[in-house]
Amino acid sequence: MHSKHTNSPTVSPRFAPSVSYRGFRLRRINEPRFRHLWWLLFWPLYWLRYPVIEHMNPAERCHPIYCPLDDAIPFSEWFIIPYMLWMVCMVLLCLYLLFYDLEGFRRYSKFLLVSMSISTCVYLLYPSCQNLRPEVYPRENLLTDLVKILHVSDTNTNVFPSEHAIGSAAIFLAALRSKKLRAPLPLTLLTVFSVLTFLSTVFLKQHSVLDLIAALPVCAIAYFAAYRRKKHN
């Protein structure tokens, strides 16, 4: 007799779901299987705090952030591409980890919650702004038009520390510490994207170099809170 073999498609470990959400109902969110979904509350809170901070910190109360190195960095509209894709990447990464790397999702969410909470406190205690945006753009093209839209829609306040820099670190660390994203291709792509987004803040004149420096200790604290290894007795 000949045995019959069925050829079932092989799913890459990178896309093997870590949890099934079939049967999920909101009333079941406190069950151990779904309790991690509470971390998703970060996203609406993240967006809602902006108008609150802007209301509490009028522009006239903000301290200008500047250092001479800011003048040495040229304006480049090309950096609008990674700058605008930053939030898209952060959300897509969150969704990927939510479905395919549950531990990575928890750590990524904790890093964002801790770091953004610190930056929010800094904004409230030390209102900041920057006056680096060009009055006249050196070129006229589609990318420059997008920069103009950005500069009109996004105020120049609450810049110290840079949350774009913090988010860039969050993307890189999530890829570096995720067993499923640590493969050469995804890790390289996300690392390059994180670096470009980090640099975009100063080349678009959205931030001072000091804002990026201020983001480093915030990221260090958040990294310790989210990614430190627990000691087992």
Protein backbone atom coordinates (compact mmCIF):
# COMPACT_ATOMS: atom_id res chain seq x y z
CA MET A 1 0.00 0.00 0.00
CA HIS A 2 1.13 3.51 -0.71
CA SER A 3 0.64 6.11 1.97
CA LYS A 4 -0.93 9.35 0.91
CA HIS A 5 0.81 12.59 1.81
CA THR A 6 -0.96 15.91 1.85
CA ASN A 7 1.17 18.91 1.06
CA SER A 8 0.09 21.63 3.46
CA PRO A 9 1.61 25.08 2.99
CA THR A 10 4.44 25.84 5.37
CA VAL A 11 3.94 29.00 7.38
CA SER A 12 7.05 31.04 8.07
CA PRO A 13 7.77 31.23 11.82
CA ARG A 14 7.77 35.01 11.41
CA PHE A 15 4.08 34.83 10.47
CA ALA A 16 2.97 32.09 12.82
CA PRO A 17 0.30 33.67 15.06
CA SER A 18 1.20 33.76 18.74
CA VAL A 19 -2.41 34.04 19.85
CA SER A 20 -5.83 33.47 18.30
CA TYR A 21 -8.44 36.18 18.73
CA ARG A 22 -11.32 34.00 17.61
CA GLY A 23 -14.10 34.23 20.11
CA PHE A 24 -12.86 37.52 21.56
CA ARG A 25 -15.56 39.72 23.07
CA LEU A 26 -14.98 42.95 24.94
CA ARG A 27 -16.39 41.40 28.11
CA ARG A 28 -13.57 38.83 27.97
CA ILE A 29 -10.73 41.35 27.93
CA ASN A 30 -9.75 40.59 31.53
CA GLU A 31 -9.21 36.92 30.76
CA PRO A 32 -5.50 35.98 30.80
CA ARG A 33 -5.65 35.14 27.09
CA PHE A 34 -6.75 38.67 26.11
CA ARG A 35 -5.56 40.85 28.99
CA HIS A 36 -2.67 42.25 26.93
CA LEU A 37 -5.21 44.12 24.77
CA TRP A 38 -5.45 46.74 27.51
CA TRP A 39 -2.10 48.05 26.20
CA LEU A 40 -3.96 49.32 23.11
CA LEU A 41 -5.43 52.11 25.25
CA PHE A 42 -2.07 53.82 24.83
CA TRP A 43 -2.92 54.93 21.29
CA PRO A 44 -6.09 57.02 21.92
CA LEU A 45 -4.49 58.48 25.06
CA TYR A 46 -1.38 59.31 23.05
CA TRP A 47 -3.37 61.40 20.57
CA LEU A 48 -5.82 62.95 23.05
CA ARG A 49 -3.09 64.42 25.25
CA TYR A 50 -1.82 66.73 22.48
CA PRO A 51 -4.69 69.26 22.59
CA VAL A 52 -4.58 69.15 26.40
CA ILE A 53 -0.87 70.01 26.48
CA GLU A 54 -1.29 72.69 23.80
CA HIS A 55 -4.09 74.26 25.84
CA MET A 56 -2.03 74.21 29.04
CA ASN A 57 1.09 75.54 27.32
CA PRO A 58 0.35 78.58 25.13
CA ALA A 59 3.15 79.54 22.76
CA GLU A 60 4.15 82.60 24.78
CA ARG A 61 5.11 80.39 27.74
CA CYS A 62 7.38 78.13 25.69
CA HIS A 63 11.15 78.31 25.94
CA PRO A 64 12.97 78.27 22.55
CA ILE A 65 15.34 75.34 22.09
CA TYR A 66 18.43 76.06 20.02
CA CYS A 67 22.12 75.24 19.63
CA PRO A 68 24.67 76.46 17.01
CA LEU A 69 24.81 73.00 15.42
CA ASP A 70 21.22 73.50 14.25
CA ASP A 71 22.39 76.17 11.80
CA ALA A 72 24.99 73.82 10.31
CA ILE A 73 22.36 71.24 9.32
CA PRO A 74 20.81 72.04 5.91
CA PHE A 75 17.12 71.81 5.18
CA SER A 76 16.22 68.77 3.04
CA GLU A 77 12.68 68.08 1.94
CA TRP A 78 13.54 64.46 1.10
CA PHE A 79 13.31 63.58 4.77
CA ILE A 80 9.56 64.22 4.72
CA ILE A 81 9.17 60.66 3.41
CA PRO A 82 10.45 58.80 6.49
CA TYR A 83 9.02 61.52 8.75
CA MET A 84 5.47 61.00 7.50
CA LEU A 85 5.81 57.20 7.40
CA TRP A 86 6.93 57.16 11.03
CA MET A 87 3.48 56.82 12.58
CA VAL A 88 2.38 54.34 9.90
CA CYS A 89 5.37 52.17 10.76
CA MET A 90 4.72 52.44 14.50
CA VAL A 91 1.09 51.36 14.13
CA LEU A 92 1.86 48.53 11.67
CA LEU A 93 4.64 47.28 13.94
CA CYS A 94 2.22 47.33 16.88
CA LEU A 95 -0.30 45.25 14.92
CA TYR A 96 2.35 42.79 13.75
CA LEU A 97 3.58 42.22 17.30
CA LEU A 98 0.01 41.99 18.57
CA PHE A 99 -0.66 39.01 16.30
CA TYR A 100 2.73 37.37 15.91
CA ASP A 101 4.91 38.23 18.92
CA LEU A 102 2.90 38.76 22.07
CA GLU A 103 5.88 39.27 24.39
CA GLY A 104 7.35 41.74 21.89
CA PHE A 105 4.00 43.56 21.83
CA ARG A 106 3.95 43.94 25.61
CA ARG A 107 7.52 45.23 25.73
CA TYR A 108 7.01 47.61 22.78
CA SER A 109 3.84 48.98 24.39
CA LYS A 110 5.54 49.39 27.77
CA PHE A 111 8.48 51.23 26.19
CA LEU A 112 6.10 53.66 24.48
CA LEU A 113 3.96 54.17 27.57
CA VAL A 114 6.93 54.89 29.85
CA SER A 115 8.80 57.12 27.37
CA MET A 116 5.76 59.11 26.28
CA SER A 117 4.67 59.58 29.89
CA ILE A 118 8.08 61.04 30.71
CA SER A 119 8.02 63.36 27.69
CA THR A 120 4.52 64.51 28.60
CA CYS A 121 5.67 65.43 32.10
CA VAL A 122 8.62 67.34 30.66
CA TYR A 123 6.35 69.25 28.27
CA LEU A 124 4.10 70.28 31.15
CA LEU A 125 6.94 71.26 33.49
CA TYR A 126 9.20 72.82 30.85
CA PRO A 127 7.18 74.17 27.90
CA SER A 128 9.39 74.29 24.82
CA CYS A 129 9.33 75.44 21.22
CA GLN A 130 11.67 75.86 18.26
CA ASN A 131 12.10 78.69 15.75
CA LEU A 132 14.12 76.83 13.15
CA ARG A 133 11.62 76.50 10.32
CA PRO A 134 12.69 78.33 7.15
CA GLU A 135 10.79 81.47 6.22
CA VAL A 136 11.57 80.81 2.57
CA TYR A 137 11.98 77.27 1.25
CA PRO A 138 15.06 76.75 -0.94
CA ARG A 139 13.13 74.73 -3.54
CA GLU A 140 9.59 74.33 -4.82
CA ASN A 141 8.46 70.76 -5.45
CA LEU A 142 5.98 68.16 -4.24
CA LEU A 143 8.06 67.21 -1.21
CA THR A 144 8.44 70.85 -0.19
CA ASP A 145 4.67 71.24 -0.48
CA LEU A 146 4.27 68.34 1.93
CA VAL A 147 6.70 69.99 4.34
CA LYS A 148 4.64 73.18 4.17
CA ILE A 149 1.51 71.21 5.05
CA LEU A 150 3.38 69.63 7.96
CA HIS A 151 4.58 72.99 9.24
CA VAL A 152 1.07 74.44 9.05
CA SER A 153 -0.67 71.49 10.71
CA ASP A 154 1.94 70.77 13.39
CA THR A 155 2.79 73.54 15.83
CA ASN A 156 6.40 74.25 16.75
CA THR A 157 5.76 73.67 20.48
CA ASN A 158 6.41 70.71 22.82
CA VAL A 159 9.61 69.65 21.12
CA PHE A 160 12.00 68.88 24.01
CA PRO A 161 12.51 65.88 24.04
CA SER A 162 11.71 64.77 20.49
CA GLU A 163 9.00 62.11 20.44
CA HIS A 164 9.91 61.31 16.85
CA ALA A 165 13.35 60.34 18.13
CA ILE A 166 11.78 58.31 20.94
CA GLY A 167 9.48 56.55 18.48
CA SER A 168 12.43 55.79 16.20
CA ALA A 169 14.19 54.11 19.12
CA ALA A 170 11.01 52.18 19.92
CA ILE A 171 10.89 50.76 16.38
CA PHE A 172 14.57 49.79 16.40
CA LEU A 173 14.47 48.18 19.86
CA ALA A 174 11.29 46.25 19.09
CA ALA A 175 12.95 44.77 16.00
CA LEU A 176 16.21 44.11 17.82
CA ARG A 177 14.57 42.34 20.76
CA SER A 178 11.87 40.45 18.84
CA LYS A 179 12.76 36.85 18.02
CA LYS A 180 10.68 37.07 14.85
CA LEU A 181 11.98 40.43 13.58
CA ARG A 182 15.64 39.88 14.43
CA ALA A 183 16.25 38.18 11.08
CA PRO A 184 18.71 40.10 8.84
CA LEU A 185 16.23 41.57 6.34
CA PRO A 186 13.49 42.94 8.65
CA LEU A 187 16.04 44.09 11.23
CA THR A 188 18.10 45.90 8.59
CA LEU A 189 15.07 47.59 7.03
CA LEU A 190 13.65 48.75 10.35
CA THR A 191 17.06 49.93 11.54
CA VAL A 192 17.62 52.00 8.40
CA PHE A 193 14.10 53.42 8.67
CA SER A 194 14.65 54.31 12.35
CA VAL A 195 17.89 56.13 11.56
CA LEU A 196 16.31 58.07 8.69
CA THR A 197 13.35 59.06 10.85
CA PHE A 198 15.69 60.13 13.65
CA LEU A 199 17.64 62.34 11.23
CA SER A 200 14.50 63.68 9.54
CA THR A 201 13.60 65.69 12.64
CA VAL A 202 16.58 68.02 12.21
CA PHE A 203 16.77 68.08 8.41
CA LEU A 204 13.12 69.18 8.23
CA LYS A 205 13.76 71.79 10.93
CA GLN A 206 11.17 70.20 13.18
CA HIS A 207 13.60 69.83 16.08
CA SER A 208 16.84 71.10 17.49
CA VAL A 209 19.75 68.74 18.01
CA LEU A 210 19.15 69.34 21.73
CA ASP A 211 15.72 67.70 21.38
CA LEU A 212 17.37 64.53 20.09
CA ILE A 213 19.93 64.54 22.88
CA ALA A 214 17.15 64.97 25.45
CA ALA A 215 15.40 61.91 24.01
CA LEU A 216 18.36 59.64 24.84
CA PRO A 217 17.95 59.48 28.66
CA VAL A 218 14.19 59.09 28.19
CA CYS A 219 14.82 56.08 25.93
CA ALA A 220 17.32 54.67 28.42
CA ILE A 221 14.77 54.77 31.24
CA ALA A 222 12.05 53.25 29.05
CA TYR A 223 14.44 50.55 27.82
CA PHE A 224 15.27 49.56 31.40
CA ALA A 225 11.57 49.43 32.26
CA ALA A 226 10.52 47.44 29.20
CA TYR A 227 13.44 45.26 28.17
CA ARG A 228 15.55 44.53 31.23
CA ARG A 229 15.96 40.84 31.94
CA LYS A 230 14.32 39.65 35.12
CA LYS A 231 16.56 37.72 37.48
CA HIS A 232 15.31 34.28 38.43
CA ASN A 233 16.27 32.75 41.75
